[in-house]
Every structure is written in C-alpha cells, then in structure tokens.
C-alpha cells in the first residue's frame, strides 16, 4: 500500500494539469502499475525497475489482447511516473508478440 500511496502523491499535481479525462486515465494506469509492482514485492518507488515493467507488459498481454495503441498509452503513463519519480532514462517499451 505504501508504493500506491507514493504514486498517488507523485501523480497528484500531474493529474491537475492538461486534459482532465486523459490525465485521469494516465493516473489510473500508474496506480495499476504500482499495484502490480507491489504484488511483486516492491514497497518503495526506488525499488521499481525495468523488471517490474516487463512483468507488467507480460501480465497485460496474458490478461487480454490489447491494441498496440493501448499498450503505448500504458507505456506513456509509466514513462510519466518514471520521470516524476526522478528515474533516469525511460522504462522498457512493450514488446510485440511478433518479435
């Protein structure tokens, strides 16, 4: 629960700027990612890394067949969270089943 709270705190000001509906969707995706990372044992945003992101992509692919645009929207949310958390670089991109 601590990681989810940290993500909500980081995303609070992010959600208040820009298009309301899109930002709310992005924050919901950030929180879903945080819950997934908590399930893998992360308790702090500093413990979240590329392994958690790749695991999240695999979970999304296994759960349902999402369009590439939807996966990209999830990646944009995670990338925004990545930058809000002060992490360097970008998180891993979603993989394609054809590769």
N, C-alpha and C. Protein backbone atom coordinates (compact mmCIF):
# COMPACT_ATOMS: atom_id res chain seq x y z
N UNK A 1 0.82 -1.20 0.00
CA UNK A 1 0.00 0.00 0.00
C UNK A 1 0.87 1.26 0.00
N UNK A 2 2.06 1.17 0.52
CA UNK A 2 2.93 2.34 0.58
C UNK A 2 3.32 2.81 -0.82
N UNK A 3 3.62 1.88 -1.72
CA UNK A 3 4.00 2.24 -3.08
C UNK A 3 2.84 2.94 -3.79
N UNK A 4 1.66 2.40 -3.64
CA UNK A 4 0.48 3.02 -4.26
C UNK A 4 0.30 4.44 -3.75
N UNK A 5 0.47 4.66 -2.45
CA UNK A 5 0.34 5.99 -1.87
C UNK A 5 1.40 6.93 -2.46
N UNK A 6 2.63 6.46 -2.62
CA UNK A 6 3.68 7.28 -3.20
C UNK A 6 3.33 7.68 -4.63
N UNK A 7 2.81 6.73 -5.40
CA UNK A 7 2.44 7.01 -6.79
C UNK A 7 1.31 8.04 -6.83
N UNK A 8 0.33 7.88 -5.95
CA UNK A 8 -0.77 8.85 -5.92
C UNK A 8 -0.26 10.24 -5.55
N UNK A 9 0.69 10.32 -4.64
CA UNK A 9 1.27 11.61 -4.27
C UNK A 9 2.04 12.23 -5.44
N UNK A 10 2.83 11.43 -6.13
CA UNK A 10 3.58 11.93 -7.28
C UNK A 10 2.65 12.38 -8.40
N UNK A 11 1.56 11.68 -8.59
CA UNK A 11 0.66 11.96 -9.70
C UNK A 11 -0.37 13.05 -9.37
N UNK A 12 -0.42 13.50 -8.14
CA UNK A 12 -1.44 14.48 -7.74
C UNK A 12 -1.36 15.75 -8.57
N UNK A 13 -0.20 16.38 -8.62
CA UNK A 13 -0.08 17.61 -9.41
C UNK A 13 -0.11 17.33 -10.90
N UNK A 14 0.38 16.16 -11.30
CA UNK A 14 0.34 15.76 -12.71
C UNK A 14 -1.10 15.71 -13.20
N UNK A 15 -1.99 15.17 -12.37
CA UNK A 15 -3.39 15.00 -12.77
C UNK A 15 -4.14 16.32 -12.84
N UNK A 16 -3.62 17.36 -12.24
CA UNK A 16 -4.32 18.63 -12.20
C UNK A 16 -4.03 19.51 -13.41
N UNK A 17 -3.13 19.08 -14.27
CA UNK A 17 -2.76 19.87 -15.45
C UNK A 17 -3.20 19.13 -16.71
N UNK A 18 -3.50 19.86 -17.75
CA UNK A 18 -3.81 19.24 -19.03
C UNK A 18 -5.23 18.74 -19.13
N UNK A 19 -5.47 17.89 -20.12
CA UNK A 19 -6.80 17.33 -20.36
C UNK A 19 -7.24 16.43 -19.23
N UNK A 20 -8.36 16.74 -18.64
CA UNK A 20 -8.82 16.05 -17.44
C UNK A 20 -9.01 14.54 -17.65
N UNK A 21 -9.75 14.16 -18.67
CA UNK A 21 -10.04 12.75 -18.87
C UNK A 21 -8.77 11.94 -19.13
N UNK A 22 -7.90 12.47 -19.98
CA UNK A 22 -6.65 11.76 -20.29
C UNK A 22 -5.78 11.63 -19.05
N UNK A 23 -5.65 12.70 -18.28
CA UNK A 23 -4.81 12.63 -17.09
C UNK A 23 -5.36 11.64 -16.07
N UNK A 24 -6.67 11.59 -15.93
CA UNK A 24 -7.26 10.62 -15.00
C UNK A 24 -6.99 9.18 -15.47
N UNK A 25 -7.08 8.96 -16.77
CA UNK A 25 -6.75 7.63 -17.30
C UNK A 25 -5.29 7.29 -17.04
N UNK A 26 -4.41 8.25 -17.27
CA UNK A 26 -2.99 8.01 -17.07
C UNK A 26 -2.68 7.72 -15.60
N UNK A 27 -3.30 8.47 -14.69
CA UNK A 27 -3.08 8.23 -13.26
C UNK A 27 -3.61 6.84 -12.88
N UNK A 28 -4.75 6.46 -13.43
CA UNK A 28 -5.29 5.12 -13.15
C UNK A 28 -4.32 4.04 -13.63
N UNK A 29 -3.68 4.27 -14.77
CA UNK A 29 -2.70 3.31 -15.28
C UNK A 29 -1.46 3.29 -14.40
N UNK A 30 -1.04 4.44 -13.90
CA UNK A 30 0.10 4.50 -12.98
C UNK A 30 -0.19 3.70 -11.72
N UNK A 31 -1.39 3.87 -11.17
CA UNK A 31 -1.78 3.17 -9.95
C UNK A 31 -1.86 1.66 -10.21
N UNK A 32 -2.39 1.26 -11.37
CA UNK A 32 -2.46 -0.17 -11.70
C UNK A 32 -1.06 -0.76 -11.78
N UNK A 33 -0.13 -0.02 -12.36
CA UNK A 33 1.26 -0.48 -12.42
C UNK A 33 1.85 -0.59 -11.02
N UNK A 34 1.56 0.40 -10.16
CA UNK A 34 2.07 0.38 -8.79
C UNK A 34 1.53 -0.84 -8.03
N UNK A 35 0.26 -1.15 -8.23
CA UNK A 35 -0.32 -2.32 -7.56
C UNK A 35 0.35 -3.60 -8.05
N UNK A 36 0.65 -3.66 -9.34
CA UNK A 36 1.35 -4.83 -9.88
C UNK A 36 2.75 -4.94 -9.27
N UNK A 37 3.46 -3.83 -9.19
CA UNK A 37 4.81 -3.84 -8.62
C UNK A 37 4.76 -4.21 -7.14
N UNK A 38 3.74 -3.76 -6.42
CA UNK A 38 3.59 -4.15 -5.02
C UNK A 38 3.39 -5.65 -4.90
N UNK A 39 2.64 -6.21 -5.83
CA UNK A 39 2.43 -7.65 -5.84
C UNK A 39 3.71 -8.43 -6.04
N UNK A 40 4.69 -7.80 -6.67
CA UNK A 40 5.99 -8.43 -6.89
C UNK A 40 6.96 -8.15 -5.74
N UNK A 41 6.51 -7.39 -4.73
CA UNK A 41 7.33 -7.17 -3.54
C UNK A 41 7.93 -5.79 -3.39
N UNK A 42 7.71 -4.90 -4.33
CA UNK A 42 8.24 -3.54 -4.20
C UNK A 42 7.42 -2.76 -3.18
N UNK A 43 8.09 -2.08 -2.28
CA UNK A 43 7.38 -1.28 -1.28
C UNK A 43 7.70 0.21 -1.39
N UNK A 44 8.65 0.55 -2.24
CA UNK A 44 9.08 1.94 -2.41
C UNK A 44 9.32 2.20 -3.88
N UNK A 45 9.08 3.41 -4.33
CA UNK A 45 9.25 3.75 -5.74
C UNK A 45 10.70 3.53 -6.19
N UNK A 46 11.63 3.66 -5.29
CA UNK A 46 13.03 3.43 -5.63
C UNK A 46 13.35 1.98 -5.95
N UNK A 47 12.50 1.06 -5.52
CA UNK A 47 12.72 -0.36 -5.77
C UNK A 47 12.14 -0.80 -7.11
N UNK A 48 11.36 0.05 -7.75
CA UNK A 48 10.72 -0.30 -9.01
C UNK A 48 11.72 -0.12 -10.15
N UNK A 49 11.81 -1.13 -10.99
CA UNK A 49 12.75 -1.07 -12.10
C UNK A 49 12.20 -1.71 -13.35
N UNK A 50 13.08 -1.93 -14.29
CA UNK A 50 12.70 -2.49 -15.57
C UNK A 50 12.07 -3.87 -15.47
N UNK A 51 12.50 -4.66 -14.50
CA UNK A 51 11.93 -6.00 -14.32
C UNK A 51 10.44 -5.91 -14.02
N UNK A 52 10.04 -4.92 -13.23
CA UNK A 52 8.62 -4.74 -12.91
C UNK A 52 7.83 -4.31 -14.15
N UNK A 53 8.45 -3.48 -14.97
CA UNK A 53 7.78 -3.01 -16.18
C UNK A 53 7.56 -4.17 -17.15
N UNK A 54 8.60 -4.97 -17.36
CA UNK A 54 8.48 -6.11 -18.27
C UNK A 54 7.43 -7.10 -17.76
N UNK A 55 7.41 -7.33 -16.46
CA UNK A 55 6.41 -8.21 -15.87
C UNK A 55 5.00 -7.65 -16.09
N UNK A 56 4.86 -6.34 -16.00
CA UNK A 56 3.56 -5.69 -16.22
C UNK A 56 3.11 -5.90 -17.67
N UNK A 57 4.04 -5.76 -18.62
CA UNK A 57 3.68 -5.99 -20.04
C UNK A 57 3.21 -7.42 -20.23
N UNK A 58 3.93 -8.36 -19.64
CA UNK A 58 3.55 -9.77 -19.79
C UNK A 58 2.17 -10.03 -19.19
N UNK A 59 1.88 -9.41 -18.05
CA UNK A 59 0.57 -9.57 -17.42
C UNK A 59 -0.53 -8.98 -18.31
N UNK A 60 -0.28 -7.81 -18.89
CA UNK A 60 -1.28 -7.19 -19.77
C UNK A 60 -1.53 -8.06 -21.00
N UNK A 61 -0.48 -8.61 -21.57
CA UNK A 61 -0.61 -9.46 -22.76
C UNK A 61 -1.37 -10.75 -22.42
N UNK A 62 -1.10 -11.32 -21.25
CA UNK A 62 -1.75 -12.57 -20.87
C UNK A 62 -3.22 -12.35 -20.52
N UNK A 63 -3.50 -11.21 -19.94
CA UNK A 63 -4.87 -10.91 -19.49
C UNK A 63 -5.81 -10.70 -20.66
N UNK A 64 -5.36 -9.97 -21.64
CA UNK A 64 -6.22 -9.70 -22.80
C UNK A 64 -5.35 -9.27 -23.97
N UNK A 65 -5.92 -9.32 -25.13
CA UNK A 65 -5.21 -8.90 -26.33
C UNK A 65 -5.46 -7.40 -26.52
N UNK A 66 -4.55 -6.61 -26.04
CA UNK A 66 -4.67 -5.16 -26.15
C UNK A 66 -4.08 -4.67 -27.45
N UNK A 67 -4.67 -3.61 -27.95
CA UNK A 67 -4.15 -2.99 -29.17
C UNK A 67 -2.81 -2.33 -28.85
N UNK A 68 -1.99 -2.18 -29.87
CA UNK A 68 -0.69 -1.54 -29.69
C UNK A 68 -0.83 -0.11 -29.16
N UNK A 69 -1.87 0.60 -29.60
CA UNK A 69 -2.09 1.96 -29.11
C UNK A 69 -2.40 1.98 -27.61
N UNK A 70 -3.11 0.98 -27.14
CA UNK A 70 -3.43 0.90 -25.71
C UNK A 70 -2.17 0.60 -24.92
N UNK A 71 -1.36 -0.32 -25.40
CA UNK A 71 -0.09 -0.61 -24.73
C UNK A 71 0.81 0.62 -24.71
N UNK A 72 0.78 1.38 -25.80
CA UNK A 72 1.58 2.61 -25.85
C UNK A 72 1.07 3.61 -24.82
N UNK A 73 -0.25 3.70 -24.64
CA UNK A 73 -0.81 4.60 -23.64
C UNK A 73 -0.38 4.19 -22.23
N UNK A 74 -0.32 2.87 -21.98
CA UNK A 74 0.18 2.39 -20.69
C UNK A 74 1.65 2.76 -20.53
N UNK A 75 2.41 2.62 -21.60
CA UNK A 75 3.84 2.96 -21.52
C UNK A 75 4.03 4.45 -21.25
N UNK A 76 3.21 5.29 -21.88
CA UNK A 76 3.31 6.74 -21.63
C UNK A 76 3.03 7.06 -20.16
N UNK A 77 2.07 6.38 -19.58
CA UNK A 77 1.76 6.59 -18.16
C UNK A 77 2.93 6.17 -17.29
N UNK A 78 3.52 5.01 -17.60
CA UNK A 78 4.66 4.53 -16.81
C UNK A 78 5.86 5.45 -17.02
N UNK A 79 6.05 5.93 -18.25
CA UNK A 79 7.15 6.86 -18.51
C UNK A 79 6.97 8.15 -17.72
N UNK A 80 5.76 8.65 -17.65
CA UNK A 80 5.50 9.86 -16.85
C UNK A 80 5.79 9.60 -15.38
N UNK A 81 5.36 8.46 -14.88
CA UNK A 81 5.65 8.09 -13.49
C UNK A 81 7.15 7.97 -13.27
N UNK A 82 7.83 7.39 -14.23
CA UNK A 82 9.29 7.21 -14.17
C UNK A 82 9.97 8.57 -13.99
N UNK A 83 9.54 9.54 -14.78
CA UNK A 83 10.14 10.87 -14.71
C UNK A 83 9.73 11.61 -13.45
N UNK A 84 8.48 11.45 -13.01
CA UNK A 84 8.04 12.07 -11.76
C UNK A 84 8.83 11.54 -10.58
N UNK A 85 9.21 10.27 -10.65
CA UNK A 85 9.98 9.64 -9.57
C UNK A 85 11.47 9.99 -9.64
N UNK A 86 11.88 10.69 -10.71
CA UNK A 86 13.28 11.09 -10.83
C UNK A 86 14.19 9.99 -11.35
N UNK A 87 13.62 8.98 -11.97
CA UNK A 87 14.44 7.90 -12.52
C UNK A 87 15.06 8.34 -13.84
N UNK A 88 16.23 7.84 -14.12
CA UNK A 88 16.99 8.23 -15.31
C UNK A 88 16.54 7.38 -16.50
N UNK A 89 16.47 8.00 -17.65
CA UNK A 89 16.12 7.27 -18.87
C UNK A 89 14.63 7.01 -18.97
N UNK A 90 14.28 6.04 -19.80
CA UNK A 90 12.89 5.64 -20.00
C UNK A 90 12.72 4.18 -19.59
N UNK A 91 11.51 3.80 -19.18
CA UNK A 91 11.27 2.38 -18.86
C UNK A 91 11.26 1.55 -20.13
N UNK A 92 11.40 0.24 -20.00
CA UNK A 92 11.34 -0.62 -21.19
C UNK A 92 10.01 -0.48 -21.91
N UNK A 93 10.07 -0.51 -23.24
CA UNK A 93 8.85 -0.42 -24.05
C UNK A 93 8.17 -1.78 -24.11
N UNK A 94 6.86 -1.78 -24.39
CA UNK A 94 6.18 -3.07 -24.52
C UNK A 94 6.71 -3.84 -25.71
N UNK A 95 6.81 -5.12 -25.55
CA UNK A 95 7.31 -5.98 -26.62
C UNK A 95 6.16 -6.38 -27.52
N UNK A 96 6.49 -6.80 -28.69
CA UNK A 96 5.49 -7.26 -29.65
C UNK A 96 5.54 -8.78 -29.71
N UNK A 97 4.38 -9.41 -29.82
CA UNK A 97 4.33 -10.88 -29.90
C UNK A 97 5.01 -11.38 -31.16
N UNK A 98 5.05 -10.54 -32.19
CA UNK A 98 5.64 -10.98 -33.47
C UNK A 98 7.16 -11.00 -33.42
N UNK A 99 7.77 -10.41 -32.43
CA UNK A 99 9.24 -10.35 -32.35
C UNK A 99 9.81 -11.45 -31.52
